[in-house]
Amino acid sequence: MKIALYIWVSFQSILFGGSVLFFKRNLLNKLLAAFFFSTGLHTTLNYFVRFTEVKFDFPRLLGYGDVFNLLYGPILYLYIKSIIDNKLDKRSYLHMMPAVILFVSLCVFHFTHEKINFMTYLSHPMHRVAIFSVVFSNILYLVLSVRIYVLHFKENYAVEKWISVWFTIAISFLALKVIINGAFLSSFYVVPKISAELRNVLVYIFISLNALIVSIAGVYTLRFPNVFRLHSTKLFKKKTDTTSSEPEPVDEILEALQRVLEEKRLHLRNDITEREVAKEIDIQPYILSKVLNENLGMNFNRYINNFRIEEAKRILLSPDTNDATNYSIALDSGFKTESVYYSNFKKIVGMTPKQFQKQHE
């Protein structure tokens, strides 16, 4: 069972990382792909070390898994930071230095110790330094990630629920690393007498939770593909930043909205949603809602219904549809039911469809 889980997590993580880059290669997606590639490669390395003779035949590979452990925290932190701040400077990549230092140290260690084996490495101070570094790094970046997210979440508004859930998935993975790596540290140096049994339990728990989180992340991105488009819009707007922030390009948004409705005739779909239309013009749904409310004094449904009524008026005045029923006109103009069509027509036009038709005979 454990072997199957290792193979599955390795395959899924690498496949997911490749899919992210295939979708669009921007900074955020590269960081996300790097995280899942690291997960896949790390799991693959752990599989060979735990279930094959690699640890005896190639003992110099031991310890390099901790390099991946030192990458998870910085990658997730930079991913969350770049979403919220919408940028990263070159100094941000210095967060990767601990992993680089450990990698170089392991190279030096292996080349300066000719007679190294599995037990030699486990009992060497280098192993202790690596484990303590991993636990400290995971805790540090978990705190930093939670801190930057919570601060922005409290100071800002209009963050959508699906974004909050995505952040929670990312932070949960890092929290899992903290718990498991802390438990591994304890099994080596706090309760070594039960370390073998404890480590076996921890291995099973760790790979099972890894499989669960990778699955959740994969399913969630299928449900909310906008996860791959987080670079295109600013997700948070400050509550107190109403005067100094750049105004939304209202005219451009309204023009793009009208153009996409006229060209693609999306309003004729009775199941069209605000999210889908916002995606068509590459903005967040809350921005579209805000523009319509603040500038046109109406919500999305009313705006769409105006277009539908215009289509209904065109049908009513067409000589080819003189005998069309209210029901067929309602469906053809994008309404779900005749009653909704009738009430909206009377509300917007100020008369019933029949009165409108007679007026224009």
Protein backbone atom coordinates (compact mmCIF):
# COMPACT_ATOMS: atom_id res chain seq x y z
CA MET A 1 0.00 0.00 0.00
CA LYS A 2 2.78 2.42 0.95
CA ILE A 3 4.69 1.67 -2.25
CA ALA A 4 1.58 2.34 -4.35
CA LEU A 5 1.03 5.65 -2.55
CA TYR A 6 4.65 6.71 -3.16
CA ILE A 7 4.39 5.93 -6.86
CA TRP A 8 1.01 7.64 -7.14
CA VAL A 9 2.15 10.83 -5.37
CA SER A 10 5.32 11.00 -7.50
CA PHE A 11 3.41 10.56 -10.74
CA GLN A 12 0.58 12.94 -9.82
CA SER A 13 2.90 15.68 -8.55
CA ILE A 14 5.11 15.67 -11.64
CA LEU A 15 2.07 15.48 -13.93
CA PHE A 16 0.41 18.38 -12.11
CA GLY A 17 3.59 20.48 -12.24
CA GLY A 18 3.86 19.91 -15.98
CA SER A 19 0.19 20.77 -16.48
CA VAL A 20 0.65 24.10 -14.69
CA LEU A 21 3.48 25.10 -17.05
CA PHE A 22 1.53 23.87 -20.05
CA PHE A 23 -1.37 26.15 -19.12
CA LYS A 24 0.64 29.36 -18.91
CA ARG A 25 4.26 30.12 -18.04
CA ASN A 26 4.25 33.09 -15.71
CA LEU A 27 6.02 33.66 -12.38
CA LEU A 28 3.20 32.33 -10.21
CA ASN A 29 2.71 29.21 -12.26
CA LYS A 30 6.46 28.57 -12.36
CA LEU A 31 6.58 28.71 -8.56
CA LEU A 32 3.57 26.41 -8.32
CA ALA A 33 5.13 24.00 -10.80
CA ALA A 34 8.44 24.11 -8.90
CA PHE A 35 6.62 23.15 -5.72
CA PHE A 36 4.91 20.12 -7.28
CA PHE A 37 8.03 19.06 -9.20
CA SER A 38 9.94 19.18 -5.90
CA THR A 39 7.21 17.10 -4.25
CA GLY A 40 7.34 14.53 -7.04
CA LEU A 41 11.13 14.26 -7.16
CA HIS A 42 11.41 14.19 -3.37
CA THR A 43 8.82 11.42 -3.13
CA THR A 44 10.59 9.47 -5.88
CA LEU A 45 13.91 9.76 -4.05
CA ASN A 46 12.27 8.66 -0.78
CA TYR A 47 10.75 5.67 -2.54
CA PHE A 48 14.15 4.43 -3.76
CA VAL A 49 15.79 5.08 -0.39
CA ARG A 50 13.08 3.33 1.65
CA PHE A 51 12.04 0.42 -0.55
CA THR A 52 15.11 -0.47 -2.60
CA GLU A 53 18.80 -1.15 -2.01
CA VAL A 54 19.71 2.37 -3.15
CA LYS A 55 20.58 3.49 0.39
CA PHE A 56 23.21 0.74 0.50
CA ASP A 57 24.36 0.79 -3.13
CA PHE A 58 24.39 4.60 -3.48
CA PRO A 59 24.72 5.97 0.08
CA ARG A 60 25.87 9.33 -1.27
CA LEU A 61 22.27 10.06 -2.24
CA LEU A 62 21.33 10.14 1.44
CA GLY A 63 20.52 13.58 2.76
CA TYR A 64 19.59 15.18 -0.55
CA GLY A 65 15.93 14.70 0.29
CA ASP A 66 16.39 17.34 2.97
CA VAL A 67 17.33 19.81 0.24
CA PHE A 68 13.79 19.43 -1.12
CA ASN A 69 12.45 19.87 2.42
CA LEU A 70 14.23 23.22 2.58
CA LEU A 71 12.64 24.30 -0.70
CA TYR A 72 8.98 23.77 0.17
CA GLY A 73 8.73 26.64 2.66
CA PRO A 74 10.41 29.34 0.53
CA ILE A 75 8.54 28.32 -2.64
CA LEU A 76 5.11 28.45 -0.97
CA TYR A 77 5.95 31.68 0.85
CA LEU A 78 7.11 33.37 -2.37
CA TYR A 79 4.04 32.04 -4.17
CA ILE A 80 1.66 33.54 -1.62
CA LYS A 81 3.68 36.76 -1.38
CA SER A 82 3.73 37.25 -5.15
CA ILE A 83 -0.05 36.73 -5.34
CA ILE A 84 -0.74 39.35 -2.69
CA ASP A 85 1.98 41.86 -3.60
CA ASN A 86 1.76 41.10 -7.33
CA LYS A 87 5.58 41.24 -7.61
CA LEU A 88 8.88 39.74 -6.45
CA ASP A 89 12.25 41.45 -6.38
CA LYS A 90 15.57 39.69 -6.94
CA ARG A 91 16.35 39.63 -3.23
CA SER A 92 13.32 37.41 -2.70
CA TYR A 93 15.21 34.50 -4.23
CA LEU A 94 17.71 34.66 -1.36
CA HIS A 95 15.11 32.61 0.51
CA MET A 96 16.41 29.65 -1.52
CA MET A 97 19.93 30.02 -0.10
CA PRO A 98 19.50 27.57 2.85
CA ALA A 99 18.66 24.81 0.36
CA VAL A 100 21.65 25.75 -1.80
CA ILE A 101 23.96 25.83 1.25
CA LEU A 102 22.75 22.40 2.41
CA PHE A 103 23.22 20.99 -1.09
CA VAL A 104 26.80 22.28 -1.29
CA SER A 105 27.52 21.07 2.26
CA LEU A 106 26.27 17.58 1.40
CA CYS A 107 28.43 17.51 -1.72
CA VAL A 108 31.49 18.47 0.32
CA PHE A 109 30.57 15.97 3.04
CA HIS A 110 30.21 13.09 0.59
CA PHE A 111 33.42 13.86 -1.24
CA THR A 112 35.43 14.16 1.97
CA HIS A 113 34.09 10.96 3.53
CA GLU A 114 35.11 8.03 1.38
CA LYS A 115 33.78 5.27 3.65
CA ILE A 116 30.23 6.43 4.00
CA ASN A 117 27.25 4.15 4.41
CA PHE A 118 23.64 4.35 5.53
CA MET A 119 24.37 4.10 9.27
CA THR A 120 27.41 6.40 9.05
CA TYR A 121 25.28 9.21 7.68
CA LEU A 122 22.41 8.72 10.16
CA SER A 123 24.80 8.99 13.11
CA HIS A 124 26.80 11.91 11.70
CA PRO A 125 26.27 15.51 12.95
CA MET A 126 25.53 16.50 9.35
CA HIS A 127 22.26 14.56 9.55
CA ARG A 128 21.32 16.30 12.79
CA VAL A 129 22.09 19.73 11.31
CA ALA A 130 20.02 18.93 8.24
CA ILE A 131 16.97 17.79 10.25
CA PHE A 132 17.09 20.76 12.63
CA SER A 133 17.46 23.12 9.64
CA VAL A 134 14.45 21.59 7.92
CA VAL A 135 12.22 21.83 10.99
CA PHE A 136 13.29 25.43 11.70
CA SER A 137 12.78 26.41 8.04
CA ASN A 138 9.33 24.81 7.85
CA ILE A 139 8.17 26.56 11.04
CA LEU A 140 9.63 29.91 9.94
CA TYR A 141 7.98 29.88 6.52
CA LEU A 142 4.70 28.60 7.91
CA VAL A 143 4.61 31.59 10.27
CA LEU A 144 5.65 34.01 7.49
CA SER A 145 3.05 32.61 5.07
CA VAL A 146 0.22 32.74 7.60
CA ARG A 147 1.29 36.21 8.72
CA ILE A 148 1.38 37.78 5.25
CA TYR A 149 -1.94 36.18 4.32
CA VAL A 150 -3.78 37.04 7.53
CA LEU A 151 -2.50 40.64 7.54
CA HIS A 152 -3.67 41.23 3.98
CA PHE A 153 -6.91 39.36 4.54
CA LYS A 154 -7.77 41.61 7.52
CA GLU A 155 -6.64 44.85 5.91
CA ASN A 156 -8.26 44.21 2.54
CA TYR A 157 -11.62 43.18 1.21
CA ALA A 158 -13.27 41.57 -1.83
CA VAL A 159 -11.21 38.39 -1.68
CA GLU A 160 -13.25 35.54 -3.12
CA LYS A 161 -13.91 32.36 -1.17
CA TRP A 162 -12.19 30.09 -3.68
CA ILE A 163 -8.99 32.11 -3.29
CA SER A 164 -9.14 31.76 0.49
CA VAL A 165 -9.59 28.00 0.12
CA TRP A 166 -6.62 27.80 -2.27
CA PHE A 167 -4.43 29.65 0.26
CA THR A 168 -5.64 27.26 2.95
CA ILE A 169 -4.62 24.25 0.84
CA ALA A 170 -1.13 25.68 0.31
CA ILE A 171 -0.62 26.61 3.96
CA SER A 172 -2.01 23.25 5.12
CA PHE A 173 0.65 21.45 3.10
CA LEU A 174 3.38 23.47 4.82
CA ALA A 175 1.77 22.86 8.22
CA LEU A 176 1.83 19.13 7.41
CA LYS A 177 5.57 19.39 6.73
CA VAL A 178 6.11 21.09 10.09
CA ILE A 179 4.25 18.38 12.01
CA ILE A 180 5.80 15.42 10.22
CA ASN A 181 9.37 16.72 10.17
CA GLY A 182 9.06 17.71 13.82
CA ALA A 183 7.90 14.18 14.59
CA PHE A 184 10.84 12.73 12.65
CA LEU A 185 13.21 14.94 14.65
CA SER A 186 11.67 13.64 17.87
CA SER A 187 11.98 10.03 16.69
CA PHE A 188 15.72 10.48 16.19
CA TYR A 189 16.73 12.56 19.17
CA VAL A 190 13.89 12.73 21.74
CA VAL A 191 12.50 9.18 21.83
CA PRO A 192 15.12 7.12 19.96
CA LYS A 193 14.09 3.87 21.66
CA ILE A 194 10.87 3.75 19.67
CA SER A 195 12.29 5.55 16.66
CA ALA A 196 12.03 2.63 14.21
CA GLU A 197 8.39 1.90 14.97
CA LEU A 198 7.47 5.58 15.15
CA ARG A 199 9.21 6.36 11.88
CA ASN A 200 7.31 3.59 10.08
CA VAL A 201 4.01 5.04 11.31
CA LEU A 202 5.11 8.55 10.36
CA VAL A 203 6.14 7.43 6.89
CA TYR A 204 2.69 5.94 6.27
CA ILE A 205 0.90 9.03 7.65
CA PHE A 206 3.13 11.38 5.71
CA ILE A 207 2.72 9.72 2.32
CA SER A 208 -1.03 9.28 2.87
CA LEU A 209 -1.51 12.97 3.67
CA ASN A 210 0.72 13.92 0.74
CA ALA A 211 -1.50 11.85 -1.53
CA LEU A 212 -4.60 13.50 -0.07
CA ILE A 213 -3.32 17.07 -0.49
CA VAL A 214 -2.01 16.48 -4.02
CA SER A 215 -5.42 15.03 -4.93
CA ILE A 216 -7.26 17.97 -3.37
CA ALA A 217 -5.02 20.45 -5.20
CA GLY A 218 -5.58 18.66 -8.51
CA VAL A 219 -9.35 18.45 -8.14
CA TYR A 220 -9.56 22.05 -6.92
CA THR A 221 -7.72 23.43 -9.92
CA LEU A 222 -10.05 21.50 -12.22
CA ARG A 223 -13.01 23.07 -10.39
CA PHE A 224 -11.43 26.54 -10.30
CA PRO A 225 -9.02 26.91 -13.26
CA ASN A 226 -8.63 30.60 -12.39
CA VAL A 227 -5.96 29.38 -9.96
CA PHE A 228 -3.67 29.49 -13.00
CA ARG A 229 -4.71 33.08 -13.79
CA LEU A 230 -4.00 34.66 -10.40
CA HIS A 231 -1.29 36.80 -12.01
CA SER A 232 -3.73 38.74 -14.19
CA THR A 233 -5.60 40.73 -11.54
CA LYS A 234 -5.09 42.27 -8.14
CA LEU A 235 -7.00 40.09 -5.72
CA PHE A 236 -7.03 42.44 -2.75
CA LYS A 237 -8.16 46.07 -2.62
CA LYS A 238 -7.44 48.05 0.50
CA LYS A 239 -10.45 49.30 2.42
CA THR A 240 -8.80 52.61 3.22
CA ASP A 241 -7.14 53.02 -0.12
CA THR A 242 -10.03 54.67 -1.94
CA THR A 243 -8.26 57.92 -2.81
CA SER A 244 -4.68 56.94 -3.56
CA SER A 245 -5.28 53.71 -5.48
CA GLU A 246 -5.52 53.74 -9.23
CA PRO A 247 -9.15 53.87 -10.40
CA GLU A 248 -10.56 50.92 -12.24
CA PRO A 249 -10.64 51.50 -16.03
CA VAL A 250 -14.44 51.71 -15.95
CA ASP A 251 -14.96 52.77 -19.56
CA GLU A 252 -12.66 50.01 -20.82
CA ILE A 253 -14.44 47.39 -18.73
CA LEU A 254 -17.90 48.49 -19.88
CA GLU A 255 -16.80 48.63 -23.52
CA ALA A 256 -15.22 45.17 -23.28
CA LEU A 257 -18.34 43.85 -21.57
CA GLN A 258 -20.68 45.20 -24.23
CA ARG A 259 -18.41 43.99 -27.01
CA VAL A 260 -18.13 40.42 -25.71
CA LEU A 261 -21.91 40.20 -25.20
CA GLU A 262 -22.64 41.49 -28.68
CA GLU A 263 -20.02 39.33 -30.38
CA LYS A 264 -20.50 36.10 -28.47
CA ARG A 265 -24.17 36.72 -27.57
CA LEU A 266 -23.59 35.26 -24.12
CA HIS A 267 -26.82 36.80 -22.81
CA LEU A 268 -28.80 34.30 -24.88
CA ARG A 269 -27.58 31.55 -22.58
CA ASN A 270 -30.02 31.22 -19.70
CA ASP A 271 -27.30 29.76 -17.44
CA ILE A 272 -24.62 32.41 -18.00
CA THR A 273 -22.93 33.55 -14.78
CA GLU A 274 -21.12 36.65 -13.68
CA ARG A 275 -17.96 34.60 -13.18
CA GLU A 276 -18.01 33.35 -16.79
CA VAL A 277 -18.53 36.83 -18.25
CA ALA A 278 -15.81 38.29 -16.01
CA LYS A 279 -13.45 35.57 -17.22
CA GLU A 280 -14.22 36.53 -20.84
CA ILE A 281 -12.98 40.10 -20.22
CA ASP A 282 -10.14 38.98 -17.92
CA ILE A 283 -11.22 40.61 -14.65
CA GLN A 284 -12.33 39.28 -11.28
CA PRO A 285 -16.11 38.89 -10.79
CA TYR A 286 -16.15 41.27 -7.84
CA ILE A 287 -14.65 44.01 -10.03
CA LEU A 288 -17.36 43.50 -12.65
CA SER A 289 -20.03 43.60 -9.95
CA LYS A 290 -18.53 46.78 -8.49
CA VAL A 291 -18.35 48.53 -11.88
CA LEU A 292 -21.98 47.72 -12.71
CA ASN A 293 -23.30 48.76 -9.31
CA GLU A 294 -21.29 51.96 -8.91
CA ASN A 295 -21.52 53.21 -12.49
CA LEU A 296 -24.79 51.84 -13.88
CA GLY A 297 -26.70 51.34 -10.65
CA MET A 298 -27.59 47.74 -11.42
CA ASN A 299 -26.42 44.23 -10.67
CA PHE A 300 -25.20 41.69 -13.19
CA ASN A 301 -28.56 39.96 -13.68
CA ARG A 302 -30.37 43.19 -14.43
CA TYR A 303 -27.63 44.23 -16.88
CA ILE A 304 -27.87 40.91 -18.73
CA ASN A 305 -31.67 41.08 -18.73
CA ASN A 306 -31.50 44.44 -20.51
CA PHE A 307 -29.67 42.74 -23.37
CA ARG A 308 -32.19 39.92 -23.34
CA ILE A 309 -35.09 42.36 -23.56
CA GLU A 310 -33.43 44.05 -26.54
CA GLU A 311 -33.26 40.66 -28.21
CA ALA A 312 -36.93 40.02 -27.33
CA LYS A 313 -37.90 43.38 -28.86
CA ARG A 314 -36.05 42.47 -32.04
CA ILE A 315 -37.90 39.16 -32.22
CA LEU A 316 -41.29 40.83 -31.58
CA LEU A 317 -40.72 43.33 -34.41
CA SER A 318 -39.44 40.74 -36.88
CA PRO A 319 -42.00 39.86 -39.60
CA ASP A 320 -40.78 36.26 -39.50
CA THR A 321 -41.86 35.76 -35.89
CA ASN A 322 -45.35 37.26 -35.81
CA ASP A 323 -46.82 34.01 -34.60
CA ALA A 324 -44.15 33.30 -32.00
CA THR A 325 -45.44 32.57 -28.50
CA ASN A 326 -44.24 34.33 -25.39
CA TYR A 327 -42.67 31.08 -24.26
CA SER A 328 -40.59 30.64 -27.41
CA ILE A 329 -39.55 34.32 -27.35
CA ALA A 330 -38.53 33.96 -23.72
CA LEU A 331 -36.29 30.98 -24.50
CA ASP A 332 -34.86 32.55 -27.67
CA SER A 333 -33.91 35.73 -25.82
CA GLY A 334 -32.16 33.94 -22.95
CA PHE A 335 -34.79 33.72 -20.21
CA LYS A 336 -35.42 30.47 -18.37
CA THR A 337 -39.17 30.89 -18.05
CA GLU A 338 -42.01 32.83 -19.65
CA SER A 339 -42.96 34.49 -16.37
CA VAL A 340 -39.47 35.88 -15.81
CA TYR A 341 -39.40 37.17 -19.38
CA TYR A 342 -42.83 38.79 -19.04
CA SER A 343 -42.11 40.53 -15.73
CA ASN A 344 -38.71 41.82 -16.88
CA PHE A 345 -40.12 43.08 -20.18
CA LYS A 346 -42.87 45.02 -18.41
CA LYS A 347 -40.42 46.39 -15.85
CA ILE A 348 -37.77 47.53 -18.35
CA VAL A 349 -39.94 48.61 -21.31
CA GLY A 350 -42.92 49.87 -19.30
CA MET A 351 -45.51 47.81 -21.18
CA THR A 352 -46.29 44.19 -21.95
CA PRO A 353 -44.79 42.41 -24.98
CA LYS A 354 -48.20 42.45 -26.71
CA GLN A 355 -48.64 46.19 -26.12
CA PHE A 356 -45.14 46.80 -27.44
CA GLN A 357 -45.86 44.78 -30.56
CA LYS A 358 -49.14 46.60 -31.23
CA GLN A 359 -47.49 49.97 -30.71
CA HIS A 360 -45.03 49.21 -33.51
CA GLU A 361 -47.41 47.69 -36.04
